[in-house]
Amino acid sequence: MIHPSAIVDPAAILAEDVSVGPFSIIGPDVEIGSGTTIGPHVVIKGPSRIGRENRIFQFASVGEDPQDKKYQGEITRLEIGDRNVIREYCTIHRGTAQDQSLTRIGSDNLLMAYTHVAHDCIIGDGVIMANGASLAGHVSVDSHAILGGFSLVHQFCRIGRHSFSGMGSVISRDIPPYVMVGGSPTKPRGINNVGMERRGYNAEAILQIKRAFKVIYKSRLKLEEAIENLAAMAEQSPEILPMLEFLQQSGRSIIR
């Protein structure tokens, strides 16, 4: 159902059962999949592809031009998967030609009110961004990470899977998988036990990840030495592999 006051460009492609609320505006080159609900006063700009069964609440701005002075009107894209919840006043921008011209959000994510996803960000599946959490450009957030309210993430950072940032965290380096950060200044505080338990990690797997955390943060080893130790541990404990691979690939180094 499309409300009579909504403006939907004839070049937009909406599945038959998409619902569009009053005063929403959907531009050309927007595709929206079956079962998706668009609330009132939402603006969606293309090129954007939005999957199935998403819920976009009032006053969200989705697919707008990137806030980047280098942007000169190039054709860039936004891709959103399925079953995401995008709450009030959330802002999501398309990519830039200086990266892959793409901002991508996976499936089953919750983006709470006033969250911001800047240009060229890549978000996995099952991510939670609490109210006011903001990503600068080129940030990668791996699946099942949680960003607490008003967390701020510096450009080009990577947030590892199953990690957790406390409210008001200022994140200027990568956060490895499973690690909890918080405080002012933001520091590593331990591992995300509760999150891992909820995702089905057993006690032995969590124990091995705790041991890996101690190698990285408690052993006073240089990062290169910690990586060597983790490589040996991962031969017997595959749960550690995501941490090891993350450290090996980190571009901005890790929060420490």
Protein backbone atom coordinates (compact mmCIF):
# COMPACT_ATOMS: atom_id res chain seq x y z
CA MET A 1 0.00 0.00 0.00
CA ILE A 2 1.34 3.43 -0.98
CA HIS A 3 -0.19 6.37 0.88
CA PRO A 4 -1.69 9.00 -1.46
CA SER A 5 0.61 11.70 -0.04
CA ALA A 6 3.78 9.68 -0.70
CA ILE A 7 5.87 10.51 -3.78
CA VAL A 8 7.25 7.46 -5.58
CA ASP A 9 9.23 8.07 -8.77
CA PRO A 10 7.92 6.05 -11.72
CA ALA A 11 11.44 4.69 -12.22
CA ALA A 12 11.49 3.12 -8.74
CA ILE A 13 10.77 -0.60 -8.53
CA LEU A 14 8.71 -1.72 -5.53
CA ALA A 15 7.39 -5.21 -4.86
CA GLU A 16 3.60 -5.36 -4.86
CA ASP A 17 3.28 -5.69 -1.09
CA VAL A 18 5.66 -2.89 -0.11
CA SER A 19 4.04 -0.37 2.24
CA VAL A 20 4.95 3.32 1.96
CA GLY A 21 3.72 5.77 4.62
CA PRO A 22 2.49 9.33 4.24
CA PHE A 23 4.82 12.05 2.92
CA SER A 24 7.65 9.64 2.15
CA ILE A 25 9.71 10.23 -0.98
CA ILE A 26 11.27 7.42 -3.03
CA GLY A 27 13.48 8.48 -5.92
CA PRO A 28 14.45 6.84 -9.20
CA ASP A 29 16.75 3.82 -9.35
CA VAL A 30 15.47 2.49 -6.03
CA GLU A 31 14.46 -1.16 -5.71
CA ILE A 32 12.59 -2.40 -2.64
CA GLY A 33 11.85 -6.07 -1.97
CA SER A 34 8.74 -7.86 -0.82
CA GLY A 35 7.38 -7.33 2.67
CA THR A 36 9.33 -4.13 3.35
CA THR A 37 7.57 -1.35 5.27
CA ILE A 38 8.51 2.31 4.78
CA GLY A 39 7.18 4.63 7.49
CA PRO A 40 6.06 8.26 7.11
CA HIS A 41 8.43 11.06 6.12
CA VAL A 42 11.17 8.70 4.94
CA VAL A 43 13.45 9.76 2.06
CA ILE A 44 15.13 7.07 -0.06
CA LYS A 45 17.49 8.11 -2.85
CA GLY A 46 19.09 5.87 -5.46
CA PRO A 47 20.88 4.02 -6.75
CA SER A 48 19.75 1.90 -3.79
CA ARG A 49 18.73 -1.75 -3.49
CA ILE A 50 16.74 -2.72 -0.40
CA GLY A 51 15.85 -6.36 0.22
CA ARG A 52 12.90 -8.16 1.77
CA GLU A 53 11.02 -7.59 5.04
CA ASN A 54 12.91 -4.50 6.14
CA ARG A 55 11.27 -1.93 8.44
CA ILE A 56 12.29 1.68 7.92
CA PHE A 57 10.83 4.06 10.48
CA GLN A 58 9.79 7.69 10.18
CA PHE A 59 12.22 10.43 9.20
CA ALA A 60 15.02 8.06 8.17
CA SER A 61 17.23 9.21 5.26
CA VAL A 62 18.45 6.29 3.19
CA GLY A 63 20.80 6.39 0.18
CA GLU A 64 21.63 10.08 0.27
CA ASP A 65 24.78 11.53 -1.33
CA PRO A 66 27.96 10.96 0.72
CA GLN A 67 29.23 13.70 3.01
CA ASP A 68 32.61 13.79 1.29
CA LYS A 69 34.08 16.88 -0.37
CA LYS A 70 35.62 14.67 -3.05
CA TYR A 71 32.18 13.53 -4.19
CA GLN A 72 31.36 15.11 -7.55
CA GLY A 73 28.08 13.43 -8.40
CA GLU A 74 29.50 10.06 -9.51
CA ILE A 75 27.10 7.12 -9.68
CA THR A 76 27.52 5.24 -6.41
CA ARG A 77 25.33 2.67 -4.67
CA LEU A 78 23.71 1.51 -1.48
CA GLU A 79 22.80 -2.14 -0.90
CA ILE A 80 20.71 -3.30 2.07
CA GLY A 81 19.85 -6.95 2.72
CA ASP A 82 16.79 -8.48 4.39
CA ARG A 83 14.97 -8.12 7.73
CA ASN A 84 16.79 -5.02 8.90
CA VAL A 85 15.21 -2.54 11.31
CA ILE A 86 16.18 1.07 10.61
CA ARG A 87 14.79 3.38 13.27
CA GLU A 88 13.88 7.05 13.46
CA TYR A 89 16.28 9.67 12.03
CA CYS A 90 18.81 7.07 10.94
CA THR A 91 21.03 8.33 8.07
CA ILE A 92 22.69 5.99 5.58
CA HIS A 93 24.82 7.35 2.72
CA ARG A 94 25.95 5.81 -0.56
CA GLY A 95 29.59 5.08 -1.37
CA THR A 96 32.24 7.14 -3.15
CA ALA A 97 34.24 6.56 -6.32
CA GLN A 98 37.44 6.73 -4.26
CA ASP A 99 36.53 3.40 -2.66
CA GLN A 100 34.25 0.74 -4.20
CA SER A 101 31.38 3.17 -4.89
CA LEU A 102 29.32 1.11 -2.45
CA THR A 103 27.87 1.21 1.04
CA ARG A 104 26.56 -2.22 2.00
CA ILE A 105 24.44 -3.39 4.94
CA GLY A 106 23.75 -7.11 5.36
CA SER A 107 20.69 -8.72 6.95
CA ASP A 108 19.05 -8.89 10.39
CA ASN A 109 20.66 -5.71 11.68
CA LEU A 110 19.18 -3.22 14.13
CA LEU A 111 20.10 0.43 13.57
CA MET A 112 18.52 2.38 16.40
CA ALA A 113 17.40 6.02 16.36
CA TYR A 114 19.85 8.70 15.20
CA THR A 115 22.51 6.24 14.08
CA HIS A 116 24.70 7.21 11.12
CA VAL A 117 26.30 4.97 8.49
CA ALA A 118 28.65 7.03 6.35
CA HIS A 119 29.85 6.45 2.81
CA ASP A 120 31.65 3.22 1.90
CA CYS A 121 30.83 1.46 5.17
CA ILE A 122 30.35 -2.31 5.10
CA ILE A 123 28.14 -3.86 7.79
CA GLY A 124 27.70 -7.61 8.15
CA ASP A 125 24.70 -9.49 9.61
CA GLY A 126 23.13 -9.31 13.05
CA VAL A 127 24.85 -6.05 14.01
CA ILE A 128 23.30 -3.74 16.62
CA MET A 129 24.02 -0.01 16.61
CA ALA A 130 22.42 1.57 19.66
CA ASN A 131 21.03 5.11 19.66
CA GLY A 132 23.38 7.74 18.31
CA ALA A 133 26.19 5.37 17.32
CA SER A 134 28.00 6.74 14.27
CA LEU A 135 30.37 5.31 11.67
CA ALA A 136 32.73 7.55 9.73
CA GLY A 137 33.53 6.70 6.12
CA HIS A 138 35.10 3.41 5.04
CA VAL A 139 34.34 1.61 8.33
CA SER A 140 33.79 -2.16 8.35
CA VAL A 141 31.60 -3.75 11.03
CA ASP A 142 31.70 -7.54 11.10
CA SER A 143 28.68 -9.70 11.90
CA HIS A 144 27.12 -9.71 15.40
CA ALA A 145 29.14 -6.76 16.66
CA ILE A 146 27.37 -4.37 19.05
CA LEU A 147 28.06 -0.65 19.22
CA GLY A 148 26.76 0.97 22.39
CA GLY A 149 24.88 4.25 22.42
CA PHE A 150 26.80 7.23 21.03
CA SER A 151 29.84 5.16 20.10
CA LEU A 152 31.95 7.00 17.51
CA VAL A 153 34.07 5.07 15.01
CA HIS A 154 36.95 6.74 13.13
CA GLN A 155 37.20 6.31 9.37
CA PHE A 156 38.86 3.15 8.01
CA CYS A 157 38.46 1.28 11.30
CA ARG A 158 37.28 -2.32 11.42
CA ILE A 159 35.04 -3.67 14.17
CA GLY A 160 35.45 -7.42 14.68
CA ARG A 161 32.70 -10.02 14.93
CA HIS A 162 31.00 -10.46 18.32
CA SER A 163 32.81 -7.42 19.73
CA PHE A 164 31.10 -4.95 22.04
CA SER A 165 31.69 -1.24 22.62
CA GLY A 166 30.33 0.43 25.73
CA MET A 167 28.26 3.60 25.67
CA GLY A 168 30.15 6.65 24.46
CA SER A 169 33.19 4.75 23.20
CA VAL A 170 35.54 6.70 20.93
CA ILE A 171 37.09 4.13 18.60
CA SER A 172 40.14 5.19 16.61
CA ARG A 173 41.73 1.76 16.11
CA ASP A 174 40.42 -1.68 15.10
CA ILE A 175 38.58 -3.80 17.66
CA PRO A 176 39.44 -7.53 17.36
CA PRO A 177 36.69 -10.16 17.38
CA TYR A 178 35.07 -10.96 20.75
CA VAL A 179 36.69 -7.98 22.53
CA MET A 180 34.77 -5.55 24.77
CA VAL A 181 35.91 -1.93 24.89
CA GLY A 182 34.71 1.05 26.86
CA GLY A 183 35.58 3.88 29.22
CA SER A 184 37.28 7.21 28.62
CA PRO A 185 39.76 6.91 27.06
CA THR A 186 38.36 3.82 25.38
CA LYS A 187 40.31 0.71 26.31
CA PRO A 188 39.91 -3.09 26.01
CA ARG A 189 38.01 -4.42 29.03
CA GLY A 190 37.70 -8.16 28.40
CA ILE A 191 35.79 -10.43 26.07
CA ASN A 192 32.10 -10.45 25.19
CA ASN A 193 31.13 -13.55 27.19
CA VAL A 194 27.41 -12.87 27.12
CA GLY A 195 27.32 -12.24 23.40
CA MET A 196 29.22 -15.42 22.65
CA GLU A 197 26.99 -17.50 24.92
CA ARG A 198 23.94 -16.15 23.14
CA ARG A 199 25.48 -17.13 19.79
CA GLY A 200 26.06 -20.71 20.99
CA TYR A 201 29.73 -20.70 21.91
CA ASN A 202 30.44 -23.41 24.48
CA ALA A 203 32.48 -22.98 27.66
CA GLU A 204 35.66 -24.47 26.17
CA ALA A 205 35.57 -22.14 23.17
CA ILE A 206 35.06 -19.12 25.42
CA LEU A 207 37.96 -20.25 27.63
CA GLN A 208 40.30 -20.43 24.63
CA ILE A 209 39.23 -16.97 23.50
CA LYS A 210 39.92 -15.63 27.01
CA ARG A 211 43.41 -17.10 26.79
CA ALA A 212 43.94 -15.43 23.44
CA PHE A 213 42.78 -12.11 24.92
CA LYS A 214 45.39 -12.45 27.68
CA VAL A 215 48.12 -13.06 25.11
CA ILE A 216 47.16 -9.90 23.21
CA TYR A 217 46.48 -7.60 26.15
CA LYS A 218 48.02 -9.00 29.36
CA SER A 219 51.30 -10.60 28.33
CA ARG A 220 53.15 -7.34 27.49
CA LEU A 221 54.21 -8.88 24.20
CA LYS A 222 54.67 -6.74 21.12
CA LEU A 223 51.81 -7.21 18.71
CA GLU A 224 53.99 -9.18 16.29
CA GLU A 225 55.00 -11.53 19.10
CA ALA A 226 51.38 -11.91 20.21
CA ILE A 227 50.41 -12.87 16.66
CA GLU A 228 53.10 -15.56 16.65
CA ASN A 229 51.76 -16.96 19.92
CA LEU A 230 48.18 -16.95 18.64
CA ALA A 231 49.24 -18.77 15.49
CA ALA A 232 50.62 -21.61 17.63
CA MET A 233 47.51 -21.65 19.83
CA ALA A 234 45.15 -21.68 16.84
CA GLU A 235 46.59 -25.00 15.69
CA GLN A 236 44.85 -26.60 18.68
CA SER A 237 42.01 -24.11 19.14
CA PRO A 238 40.26 -23.10 15.88
CA GLU A 239 38.06 -20.65 17.82
CA ILE A 240 41.07 -18.33 17.90
CA LEU A 241 41.46 -18.22 14.12
CA PRO A 242 39.15 -15.20 13.63
CA MET A 243 41.25 -13.20 16.10
CA LEU A 244 44.49 -14.30 14.48
CA GLU A 245 43.34 -13.48 10.96
CA PHE A 246 41.94 -10.15 12.09
CA LEU A 247 45.25 -9.11 13.65
CA GLN A 248 47.16 -10.18 10.57
CA GLN A 249 44.90 -8.06 8.34
CA SER A 250 44.48 -5.00 10.55
CA GLY A 251 45.19 -1.76 8.71
CA ARG A 252 45.01 0.76 11.56
CA SER A 253 46.40 -1.56 14.24
CA ILE A 254 44.20 -2.49 17.18
CA ILE A 255 42.89 -0.63 20.17
CA ARG A 256 45.25 -1.48 23.00
